[in-house]
């Protein structure tokens, strides 16, 4: 099923993001995690690339296995990094031939050790160019990324939104946000996007906090901010890993209840390839049934 179709008919709408491990043992563990989360009936799961396209082969392998073996709707990430246009076409043919109908089109991060993105010779320079290629030559439902707190490489929020509007105009069908911890930032972003003429669904991305040091690293890379009250609560618990995880689940659950109640079309979970925290949050939401008849924003 294409994601845009699922957005129209699925209530609740949840999706889970995984990254492909670097070895066979890790892949099998990930398949077990996906099998556990499959019981929650996600609308789709997505599989990322590593930095610099370093896990391209495993992204394709994992995406195809989840689709074929687990019967999941899969969104495969594709990036401009390290691929010529013809190599990108080959990758997209492989995905389409395996029955995958959805991709998330990204520029991608530079390879490890490099600070700036440098296009490959005869490669694509931006996610907008990638979207144009996909829509011109293939029949995928295309997702894109967006940033409620502005992309780290953008000079300002207005320029970031202008680039996003061009990407959507090139043929993006839905958007998924970077992680955030302040829901007002999401709703402010949606309002600004609509004013800019961006009308596609904007799915909020949520990451339940499970590790004190890990979330500090993640937010420094993504540009997401942690509200002061949450930061202080984490600081108090920093030497108690279980307490940090419990707080993370509780906070993410409260975030999701508020997002859905205020009209978000669904929730996309950044799982970090682990099931317990995401499963706890989604199970709590399913138990409330408070969002069954909500209209998507």
C-alpha atoms as a PDB file:
ATOM      1  CA  UNK A   1       0.000   0.000   0.000  1.00  0.00           C
ATOM      2  CA  UNK A   2       1.184   3.510  -0.734  1.00  0.00           C
ATOM      3  CA  UNK A   3       1.627   5.752   2.297  1.00  0.00           C
ATOM      4  CA  UNK A   4      -0.742   8.419   0.982  1.00  0.00           C
ATOM      5  CA  UNK A   5      -3.491   5.789   0.771  1.00  0.00           C
ATOM      6  CA  UNK A   6      -2.761   4.604   4.317  1.00  0.00           C
ATOM      7  CA  UNK A   7      -2.960   8.186   5.564  1.00  0.00           C
ATOM      8  CA  UNK A   8      -6.478   8.439   4.185  1.00  0.00           C
ATOM      9  CA  UNK A   9      -7.830   5.247   5.703  1.00  0.00           C
ATOM     10  CA  UNK A  10      -5.710   4.237   8.713  1.00  0.00           C
ATOM     11  CA  UNK A  11      -6.721   5.266  12.236  1.00  0.00           C
ATOM     12  CA  UNK A  12      -4.551   5.060  14.226  1.00  0.00           C
ATOM     13  CA  UNK A  13      -1.589   5.794  11.944  1.00  0.00           C
ATOM     14  CA  UNK A  14       1.779   4.758  13.357  1.00  0.00           C
ATOM     15  CA  UNK A  15       5.045   4.071  11.581  1.00  0.00           C
ATOM     16  CA  UNK A  16       8.458   2.887  12.750  1.00  0.00           C
ATOM     17  CA  UNK A  17      11.938   3.729  11.497  1.00  0.00           C
ATOM     18  CA  UNK A  18      14.891   1.332  11.576  1.00  0.00           C
ATOM     19  CA  UNK A  19      18.498   1.564  10.439  1.00  0.00           C
ATOM     20  CA  UNK A  20      20.251  -1.388   8.760  1.00  0.00           C
ATOM     21  CA  UNK A  21      22.949  -2.996  10.947  1.00  0.00           C
ATOM     22  CA  UNK A  22      26.437  -3.567   9.604  1.00  0.00           C
ATOM     23  CA  UNK A  23      26.575  -7.344  10.016  1.00  0.00           C
ATOM     24  CA  UNK A  24      24.365 -10.394   9.496  1.00  0.00           C
ATOM     25  CA  UNK A  25      23.809 -10.961  13.217  1.00  0.00           C
ATOM     26  CA  UNK A  26      22.534  -7.407  13.574  1.00  0.00           C
ATOM     27  CA  UNK A  27      20.186  -7.867  10.629  1.00  0.00           C
ATOM     28  CA  UNK A  28      18.646 -10.941  12.233  1.00  0.00           C
ATOM     29  CA  UNK A  29      18.199  -9.071  15.519  1.00  0.00           C
ATOM     30  CA  UNK A  30      16.526  -6.231  13.639  1.00  0.00           C
ATOM     31  CA  UNK A  31      14.174  -8.666  11.926  1.00  0.00           C
ATOM     32  CA  UNK A  32      13.166  -9.958  15.355  1.00  0.00           C
ATOM     33  CA  UNK A  33      12.548  -6.378  16.536  1.00  0.00           C
ATOM     34  CA  UNK A  34      10.434  -5.673  13.458  1.00  0.00           C
ATOM     35  CA  UNK A  35       8.489  -8.877  14.066  1.00  0.00           C
ATOM     36  CA  UNK A  36       7.739  -7.723  17.630  1.00  0.00           C
ATOM     37  CA  UNK A  37       6.546  -4.305  16.480  1.00  0.00           C
ATOM     38  CA  UNK A  38       4.555  -5.845  13.623  1.00  0.00           C
ATOM     39  CA  UNK A  39       1.981  -6.893  16.220  1.00  0.00           C
ATOM     40  CA  UNK A  40       1.122  -3.180  16.618  1.00  0.00           C
ATOM     41  CA  UNK A  41       0.021  -3.055  12.950  1.00  0.00           C
ATOM     42  CA  UNK A  42       2.146  -0.127  11.775  1.00  0.00           C
ATOM     43  CA  UNK A  43       0.979   1.671   8.652  1.00  0.00           C
ATOM     44  CA  UNK A  44       4.556   1.361   7.406  1.00  0.00           C
ATOM     45  CA  UNK A  45       8.152   0.857   8.484  1.00  0.00           C
ATOM     46  CA  UNK A  46      11.102   2.710   7.020  1.00  0.00           C
ATOM     47  CA  UNK A  47      14.715   1.653   6.592  1.00  0.00           C
ATOM     48  CA  UNK A  48      17.454   4.284   6.524  1.00  0.00           C
ATOM     49  CA  UNK A  49      20.823   4.691   4.833  1.00  0.00           C
ATOM     50  CA  UNK A  50      23.971   5.040   6.898  1.00  0.00           C
ATOM     51  CA  UNK A  51      25.961   8.271   6.715  1.00  0.00           C
ATOM     52  CA  UNK A  52      27.446   8.706   3.274  1.00  0.00           C
ATOM     53  CA  UNK A  53      25.337   5.896   1.858  1.00  0.00           C
ATOM     54  CA  UNK A  54      27.515   3.418   3.767  1.00  0.00           C
ATOM     55  CA  UNK A  55      24.769   0.821   4.228  1.00  0.00           C
ATOM     56  CA  UNK A  56      23.110   1.044   0.827  1.00  0.00           C
ATOM     57  CA  UNK A  57      23.178  -2.711   0.120  1.00  0.00           C
ATOM     58  CA  UNK A  58      21.840  -3.580   3.565  1.00  0.00           C
ATOM     59  CA  UNK A  59      19.136  -0.924   3.264  1.00  0.00           C
ATOM     60  CA  UNK A  60      17.832  -2.611   0.122  1.00  0.00           C
ATOM     61  CA  UNK A  61      18.255  -6.121   1.559  1.00  0.00           C
ATOM     62  CA  UNK A  62      16.526  -5.238   4.842  1.00  0.00           C
ATOM     63  CA  UNK A  63      13.704  -3.335   3.183  1.00  0.00           C
ATOM     64  CA  UNK A  64      12.969  -6.217   0.821  1.00  0.00           C
ATOM     65  CA  UNK A  65      13.094  -8.814   3.621  1.00  0.00           C
ATOM     66  CA  UNK A  66      10.694  -6.830   5.815  1.00  0.00           C
ATOM     67  CA  UNK A  67       8.324  -6.513   2.883  1.00  0.00           C
ATOM     68  CA  UNK A  68       8.494 -10.135   1.753  1.00  0.00           C
ATOM     69  CA  UNK A  69       8.977 -12.037   5.022  1.00  0.00           C
ATOM     70  CA  UNK A  70       6.929  -9.908   7.412  1.00  0.00           C
ATOM     71  CA  UNK A  71       4.345  -8.525   4.995  1.00  0.00           C
ATOM     72  CA  UNK A  72       5.055  -4.960   6.079  1.00  0.00           C
ATOM     73  CA  UNK A  73       4.535  -1.858   3.987  1.00  0.00           C
ATOM     74  CA  UNK A  74       8.070  -0.507   3.629  1.00  0.00           C
ATOM     75  CA  UNK A  75       9.433   2.960   2.898  1.00  0.00           C
ATOM     76  CA  UNK A  76      13.030   2.628   1.709  1.00  0.00           C
ATOM     77  CA  UNK A  77      15.297   5.620   2.211  1.00  0.00           C
ATOM     78  CA  UNK A  78      17.252   6.679  -0.858  1.00  0.00           C
ATOM     79  CA  UNK A  79      19.928   9.373  -0.861  1.00  0.00           C
ATOM     80  CA  UNK A  80      22.029  11.248  -3.367  1.00  0.00           C
ATOM     81  CA  UNK A  81      25.293  10.336  -1.633  1.00  0.00           C
ATOM     82  CA  UNK A  82      27.746   8.136  -3.492  1.00  0.00           C
ATOM     83  CA  UNK A  83      25.531   7.275  -6.463  1.00  0.00           C
ATOM     84  CA  UNK A  84      25.508   8.342 -10.076  1.00  0.00           C
ATOM     85  CA  UNK A  85      22.163   8.929 -11.732  1.00  0.00           C
ATOM     86  CA  UNK A  86      22.328   5.524 -13.419  1.00  0.00           C
ATOM     87  CA  UNK A  87      23.188   3.805 -10.127  1.00  0.00           C
ATOM     88  CA  UNK A  88      20.222   5.535  -8.528  1.00  0.00           C
ATOM     89  CA  UNK A  89      17.992   4.276 -11.329  1.00  0.00           C
ATOM     90  CA  UNK A  90      19.289   0.736 -10.765  1.00  0.00           C
ATOM     91  CA  UNK A  91      18.549   0.999  -7.039  1.00  0.00           C
ATOM     92  CA  UNK A  92      15.020   2.236  -7.669  1.00  0.00           C
ATOM     93  CA  UNK A  93      14.405  -0.551 -10.191  1.00  0.00           C
ATOM     94  CA  UNK A  94      15.539  -3.116  -7.592  1.00  0.00           C
ATOM     95  CA  UNK A  95      13.139  -1.695  -5.005  1.00  0.00           C
ATOM     96  CA  UNK A  96      10.226  -1.464  -7.415  1.00  0.00           C
ATOM     97  CA  UNK A  97      10.886  -4.946  -8.729  1.00  0.00           C
ATOM     98  CA  UNK A  98      10.682  -6.285  -5.182  1.00  0.00           C
ATOM     99  CA  UNK A  99       7.217  -4.794  -4.756  1.00  0.00           C
ATOM    100  CA  UNK A 100       8.200  -1.786  -2.651  1.00  0.00           C
ATOM    101  CA  UNK A 101       5.960   1.178  -3.505  1.00  0.00           C
ATOM    102  CA  UNK A 102       7.301   3.905  -1.205  1.00  0.00           C
ATOM    103  CA  UNK A 103      10.605   5.740  -0.864  1.00  0.00           C
ATOM    104  CA  UNK A 104      11.873   8.600   1.279  1.00  0.00           C
ATOM    105  CA  UNK A 105      14.000  10.886  -0.901  1.00  0.00           C
ATOM    106  CA  UNK A 106      16.894  12.554   0.919  1.00  0.00           C
ATOM    107  CA  UNK A 107      20.036  14.397  -0.007  1.00  0.00           C
ATOM    108  CA  UNK A 108      21.906  12.418   2.654  1.00  0.00           C
ATOM    109  CA  UNK A 109      24.717  13.166   5.071  1.00  0.00           C
ATOM    110  CA  UNK A 110      28.380  13.399   4.048  1.00  0.00           C
ATOM    111  CA  UNK A 111      30.530  10.295   4.555  1.00  0.00           C
ATOM    112  CA  UNK A 112      32.116   9.916   7.978  1.00  0.00           C
ATOM    113  CA  UNK A 113      35.001  12.333   8.443  1.00  0.00           C
ATOM    114  CA  UNK A 114      33.713  14.822   5.850  1.00  0.00           C
ATOM    115  CA  UNK A 115      31.935  18.006   6.866  1.00  0.00           C
ATOM    116  CA  UNK A 116      30.367  19.077   3.586  1.00  0.00           C
ATOM    117  CA  UNK A 117      28.186  17.255   1.073  1.00  0.00           C
ATOM    118  CA  UNK A 118      29.941  16.846  -2.283  1.00  0.00           C
ATOM    119  CA  UNK A 119      27.894  15.441  -5.193  1.00  0.00           C
ATOM    120  CA  UNK A 120      29.214  12.375  -6.979  1.00  0.00           C
ATOM    121  CA  UNK A 121      30.282  12.889 -10.581  1.00  0.00           C
ATOM    122  CA  UNK A 122      27.087  12.586 -12.636  1.00  0.00           C
ATOM    123  CA  UNK A 123      25.196  12.366  -9.368  1.00  0.00           C
ATOM    124  CA  UNK A 124      22.314  14.305  -7.869  1.00  0.00           C
ATOM    125  CA  UNK A 125      22.988  17.421  -5.814  1.00  0.00           C
ATOM    126  CA  UNK A 126      19.793  17.853  -3.811  1.00  0.00           C
ATOM    127  CA  UNK A 127      16.786  15.945  -2.577  1.00  0.00           C
ATOM    128  CA  UNK A 128      14.677  18.042  -4.952  1.00  0.00           C
ATOM    129  CA  UNK A 129      16.639  16.704  -7.928  1.00  0.00           C
ATOM    130  CA  UNK A 130      16.165  13.180  -6.560  1.00  0.00           C
ATOM    131  CA  UNK A 131      12.406  13.701  -6.238  1.00  0.00           C
ATOM    132  CA  UNK A 132      12.275  14.978  -9.814  1.00  0.00           C
ATOM    133  CA  UNK A 133      14.121  11.901 -11.109  1.00  0.00           C
ATOM    134  CA  UNK A 134      11.855   9.520  -9.185  1.00  0.00           C
ATOM    135  CA  UNK A 135       8.651  11.170 -10.351  1.00  0.00           C
ATOM    136  CA  UNK A 136       9.783  11.463 -13.942  1.00  0.00           C
ATOM    137  CA  UNK A 137      10.851   7.847 -14.372  1.00  0.00           C
ATOM    138  CA  UNK A 138       9.164   5.750 -11.647  1.00  0.00           C
ATOM    139  CA  UNK A 139       5.840   5.217  -9.889  1.00  0.00           C
ATOM    140  CA  UNK A 140       6.735   5.440  -6.209  1.00  0.00           C
ATOM    141  CA  UNK A 141       4.892   7.256  -3.456  1.00  0.00           C
ATOM    142  CA  UNK A 142       7.578   9.745  -2.411  1.00  0.00           C
ATOM    143  CA  UNK A 143       8.187  11.014   1.093  1.00  0.00           C
ATOM    144  CA  UNK A 144      10.464  13.820   2.184  1.00  0.00           C
ATOM    145  CA  UNK A 145      12.056  15.066   5.378  1.00  0.00           C
ATOM    146  CA  UNK A 146      11.304  18.377   7.065  1.00  0.00           C
ATOM    147  CA  UNK A 147      12.641  20.227  10.080  1.00  0.00           C
ATOM    148  CA  UNK A 148      10.409  22.025  12.598  1.00  0.00           C
ATOM    149  CA  UNK A 149      13.515  23.623  14.119  1.00  0.00           C
ATOM    150  CA  UNK A 150      15.244  24.247  10.755  1.00  0.00           C
ATOM    151  CA  UNK A 151      17.803  22.077   8.982  1.00  0.00           C
ATOM    152  CA  UNK A 152      21.269  22.413  10.489  1.00  0.00           C
ATOM    153  CA  UNK A 153      22.707  23.504   7.111  1.00  0.00           C
ATOM    154  CA  UNK A 154      20.022  26.131   6.403  1.00  0.00           C
ATOM    155  CA  UNK A 155      20.914  29.786   7.033  1.00  0.00           C
ATOM    156  CA  UNK A 156      17.469  30.536   8.468  1.00  0.00           C
ATOM    157  CA  UNK A 157      13.943  29.149   8.834  1.00  0.00           C
ATOM    158  CA  UNK A 158      12.559  31.054   5.826  1.00  0.00           C
ATOM    159  CA  UNK A 159      15.215  29.696   3.445  1.00  0.00           C
ATOM    160  CA  UNK A 160      14.694  26.185   4.804  1.00  0.00           C
ATOM    161  CA  UNK A 161      10.952  26.432   4.180  1.00  0.00           C
ATOM    162  CA  UNK A 162      11.529  27.815   0.679  1.00  0.00           C
ATOM    163  CA  UNK A 163      13.686  24.786  -0.188  1.00  0.00           C
ATOM    164  CA  UNK A 164      11.000  22.519   1.245  1.00  0.00           C
ATOM    165  CA  UNK A 165       8.273  24.093  -0.877  1.00  0.00           C
ATOM    166  CA  UNK A 166      10.365  23.482  -4.005  1.00  0.00           C
ATOM    167  CA  UNK A 167      10.901  19.865  -3.022  1.00  0.00           C
ATOM    168  CA  UNK A 168       7.187  19.324  -2.457  1.00  0.00           C
ATOM    169  CA  UNK A 169       6.402  21.005  -5.781  1.00  0.00           C
ATOM    170  CA  UNK A 170       8.754  18.504  -7.443  1.00  0.00           C
ATOM    171  CA  UNK A 171       6.441  15.694  -6.341  1.00  0.00           C
ATOM    172  CA  UNK A 172       6.694  14.847  -2.631  1.00  0.00           C
ATOM    173  CA  UNK A 173       3.510  13.109  -1.431  1.00  0.00           C
ATOM    174  CA  UNK A 174       4.069  13.293   2.339  1.00  0.00           C
ATOM    175  CA  UNK A 175       6.573  14.687   4.822  1.00  0.00           C
ATOM    176  CA  UNK A 176       8.085  13.290   8.019  1.00  0.00           C
ATOM    177  CA  UNK A 177       9.631  15.661  10.534  1.00  0.00           C
ATOM    178  CA  UNK A 178      12.931  15.463  12.318  1.00  0.00           C
ATOM    179  CA  UNK A 179      12.554  14.506  15.978  1.00  0.00           C
ATOM    180  CA  UNK A 180      11.404  17.232  18.385  1.00  0.00           C
ATOM    181  CA  UNK A 181      10.334  17.502  22.019  1.00  0.00           C
ATOM    182  CA  UNK A 182       8.211  20.653  22.001  1.00  0.00           C
ATOM    183  CA  UNK A 183       4.892  20.120  20.230  1.00  0.00           C
ATOM    184  CA  UNK A 184       4.328  23.847  19.746  1.00  0.00           C
ATOM    185  CA  UNK A 185       7.329  23.852  17.415  1.00  0.00           C
ATOM    186  CA  UNK A 186       5.631  21.216  15.264  1.00  0.00           C
ATOM    187  CA  UNK A 187       2.308  23.056  15.055  1.00  0.00           C
ATOM    188  CA  UNK A 188       4.037  26.371  14.389  1.00  0.00           C
ATOM    189  CA  UNK A 189       5.980  24.704  11.591  1.00  0.00           C
ATOM    190  CA  UNK A 190       2.824  23.184  10.072  1.00  0.00           C
ATOM    191  CA  UNK A 191       1.162  26.598  10.130  1.00  0.00           C
ATOM    192  CA  UNK A 192       4.136  28.209   8.377  1.00  0.00           C
ATOM    193  CA  UNK A 193       4.279  25.386   5.832  1.00  0.00           C
ATOM    194  CA  UNK A 194       0.592  25.757   4.995  1.00  0.00           C
ATOM    195  CA  UNK A 195       1.062  29.512   4.588  1.00  0.00           C
ATOM    196  CA  UNK A 196       3.881  28.730   2.140  1.00  0.00           C
ATOM    197  CA  UNK A 197       1.488  26.607   0.076  1.00  0.00           C
ATOM    198  CA  UNK A 198       2.706  23.203   1.283  1.00  0.00           C
ATOM    199  CA  UNK A 199      -0.438  21.073   1.485  1.00  0.00           C
ATOM    200  CA  UNK A 200       0.851  17.489   1.842  1.00  0.00           C
ATOM    201  CA  UNK A 201       0.490  15.557   5.137  1.00  0.00           C
ATOM    202  CA  UNK A 202       3.197  16.389   7.683  1.00  0.00           C
ATOM    203  CA  UNK A 203       3.811  13.438  10.026  1.00  0.00           C
ATOM    204  CA  UNK A 204       5.538  14.292  13.322  1.00  0.00           C
ATOM    205  CA  UNK A 205       8.630  12.255  14.160  1.00  0.00           C
ATOM    206  CA  UNK A 206       8.995  11.199  17.791  1.00  0.00           C
ATOM    207  CA  UNK A 207      11.912   9.515  19.539  1.00  0.00           C
ATOM    208  CA  UNK A 208      11.246   8.124  23.027  1.00  0.00           C
ATOM    209  CA  UNK A 209      14.305   8.943  25.129  1.00  0.00           C
ATOM    210  CA  UNK A 210      15.994   5.771  26.373  1.00  0.00           C
ATOM    211  CA  UNK A 211      19.546   6.906  27.102  1.00  0.00           C
ATOM    212  CA  UNK A 212      20.855  10.121  28.689  1.00  0.00           C
ATOM    213  CA  UNK A 213      24.119  10.367  26.749  1.00  0.00           C
ATOM    214  CA  UNK A 214      22.523   9.139  23.542  1.00  0.00           C
ATOM    215  CA  UNK A 215      19.854  11.823  23.391  1.00  0.00           C
ATOM    216  CA  UNK A 216      22.435  14.545  24.030  1.00  0.00           C
ATOM    217  CA  UNK A 217      24.429  13.318  21.024  1.00  0.00           C
ATOM    218  CA  UNK A 218      21.321  12.929  18.876  1.00  0.00           C
ATOM    219  CA  UNK A 219      20.036  16.441  19.527  1.00  0.00           C
ATOM    220  CA  UNK A 220      23.452  17.976  18.901  1.00  0.00           C
ATOM    221  CA  UNK A 221      23.482  16.340  15.463  1.00  0.00           C
ATOM    222  CA  UNK A 222      19.879  17.085  14.521  1.00  0.00           C
ATOM    223  CA  UNK A 223      19.504  20.580  15.942  1.00  0.00           C
ATOM    224  CA  UNK A 224      16.490  19.563  18.046  1.00  0.00           C
ATOM    225  CA  UNK A 225      16.167  21.296  21.405  1.00  0.00           C
ATOM    226  CA  UNK A 226      15.155  19.744  24.704  1.00  0.00           C
ATOM    227  CA  UNK A 227      12.736  21.886  26.769  1.00  0.00           C
ATOM    228  CA  UNK A 228      14.246  23.092  30.019  1.00  0.00           C
ATOM    229  CA  UNK A 229      11.841  21.163  32.278  1.00  0.00           C
ATOM    230  CA  UNK A 230      12.586  17.906  30.443  1.00  0.00           C
ATOM    231  CA  UNK A 231      16.315  18.616  30.496  1.00  0.00           C
ATOM    232  CA  UNK A 232      16.231  19.138  34.260  1.00  0.00           C
ATOM    233  CA  UNK A 233      14.232  15.946  34.788  1.00  0.00           C
ATOM    234  CA  UNK A 234      16.757  13.994  32.719  1.00  0.00           C
ATOM    235  CA  UNK A 235      19.669  15.552  34.594  1.00  0.00           C
ATOM    236  CA  UNK A 236      18.244  14.384  37.909  1.00  0.00           C
ATOM    237  CA  UNK A 237      18.016  10.805  36.559  1.00  0.00           C
ATOM    238  CA  UNK A 238      21.218  10.701  34.504  1.00  0.00           C
ATOM    239  CA  UNK A 239      22.811   8.034  36.719  1.00  0.00           C
ATOM    240  CA  UNK A 240      19.664   5.891  36.703  1.00  0.00           C
ATOM    241  CA  UNK A 241      19.263   4.352  33.239  1.00  0.00           C
ATOM    242  CA  UNK A 242      15.921   2.734  34.013  1.00  0.00           C
ATOM    243  CA  UNK A 243      14.523   6.004  35.365  1.00  0.00           C
ATOM    244  CA  UNK A 244      15.666   7.825  32.217  1.00  0.00           C
ATOM    245  CA  UNK A 245      13.897   5.256  30.031  1.00  0.00           C
ATOM    246  CA  UNK A 246      10.724   5.432  32.130  1.00  0.00           C
ATOM    247  CA  UNK A 247      10.702   9.220  31.859  1.00  0.00           C
ATOM    248  CA  UNK A 248      11.308   8.944  28.104  1.00  0.00           C
ATOM    249  CA  UNK A 249       8.315   6.668  27.596  1.00  0.00           C
ATOM    250  CA  UNK A 250       6.062   8.837  29.743  1.00  0.00           C
ATOM    251  CA  UNK A 251       7.118  12.044  27.978  1.00  0.00           C
ATOM    252  CA  UNK A 252       6.763  10.553  24.483  1.00  0.00           C
ATOM    253  CA  UNK A 253       3.318   9.197  25.347  1.00  0.00           C
ATOM    254  CA  UNK A 254       2.182  12.630  26.538  1.00  0.00           C
ATOM    255  CA  UNK A 255       3.627  14.189  23.382  1.00  0.00           C
ATOM    256  CA  UNK A 256       1.757  11.761  21.146  1.00  0.00           C
ATOM    257  CA  UNK A 257      -1.572  12.177  22.948  1.00  0.00           C
ATOM    258  CA  UNK A 258      -1.286  15.945  22.530  1.00  0.00           C
ATOM    259  CA  UNK A 259      -0.206  15.736  18.882  1.00  0.00           C
ATOM    260  CA  UNK A 260      -3.067  13.454  17.914  1.00  0.00           C
ATOM    261  CA  UNK A 261      -5.625  15.434  19.906  1.00  0.00           C
ATOM    262  CA  UNK A 262      -4.554  18.625  18.125  1.00  0.00           C
ATOM    263  CA  UNK A 263      -4.830  17.125  14.648  1.00  0.00           C
ATOM    264  CA  UNK A 264      -1.537  15.502  13.672  1.00  0.00           C
ATOM    265  CA  UNK A 265      -2.156  12.845  10.966  1.00  0.00           C
ATOM    266  CA  UNK A 266      -0.217  10.151  12.815  1.00  0.00           C
ATOM    267  CA  UNK A 267       3.090   9.466  14.544  1.00  0.00           C
ATOM    268  CA  UNK A 268       6.395   8.280  13.095  1.00  0.00           C
ATOM    269  CA  UNK A 269       8.653   6.668  15.712  1.00  0.00           C
ATOM    270  CA  UNK A 270      12.443   6.709  15.580  1.00  0.00           C
ATOM    271  CA  UNK A 271      13.022   3.324  17.218  1.00  0.00           C
ATOM    272  CA  UNK A 272      16.847   3.089  17.222  1.00  0.00           C
ATOM    273  CA  UNK A 273      16.206  -0.562  16.302  1.00  0.00           C
ATOM    274  CA  UNK A 274      14.760  -1.342  19.734  1.00  0.00           C
ATOM    275  CA  UNK A 275      11.179  -2.304  20.482  1.00  0.00           C
ATOM    276  CA  UNK A 276      10.444  -1.825  24.238  1.00  0.00           C
ATOM    277  CA  UNK A 277      10.076   1.977  24.426  1.00  0.00           C
ATOM    278  CA  UNK A 278       8.145   2.337  21.169  1.00  0.00           C
ATOM    279  CA  UNK A 279       5.965  -0.638  22.018  1.00  0.00           C
ATOM    280  CA  UNK A 280       5.168   0.867  25.438  1.00  0.00           C
ATOM    281  CA  UNK A 281       4.181   4.231  23.956  1.00  0.00           C
ATOM    282  CA  UNK A 282       2.026   2.785  21.165  1.00  0.00           C
ATOM    283  CA  UNK A 283       0.372   0.301  23.505  1.00  0.00           C
ATOM    284  CA  UNK A 284      -0.588   3.152  25.840  1.00  0.00           C
ATOM    285  CA  UNK A 285      -2.027   5.130  22.932  1.00  0.00           C
ATOM    286  CA  UNK A 286      -3.992   2.162  21.664  1.00  0.00           C
ATOM    287  CA  UNK A 287      -5.384   1.626  25.142  1.00  0.00           C
ATOM    288  CA  UNK A 288      -6.773   5.174  25.285  1.00  0.00           C
ATOM    289  CA  UNK A 289      -8.601   5.017  21.920  1.00  0.00           C
ATOM    290  CA  UNK A 290      -8.834   8.803  22.241  1.00  0.00           C
ATOM    291  CA  UNK A 291      -7.824   9.486  18.657  1.00  0.00           C
ATOM    292  CA  UNK A 292     -10.069   7.075  16.749  1.00  0.00           C
ATOM    293  CA  UNK A 293     -12.202   9.689  14.993  1.00  0.00           C
ATOM    294  CA  UNK A 294      -9.691  12.482  14.616  1.00  0.00           C
ATOM    295  CA  UNK A 295      -9.480  14.261  11.277  1.00  0.00           C
ATOM    296  CA  UNK A 296      -5.935  14.509   9.821  1.00  0.00           C
ATOM    297  CA  UNK A 297      -4.368  17.958   9.794  1.00  0.00           C
END
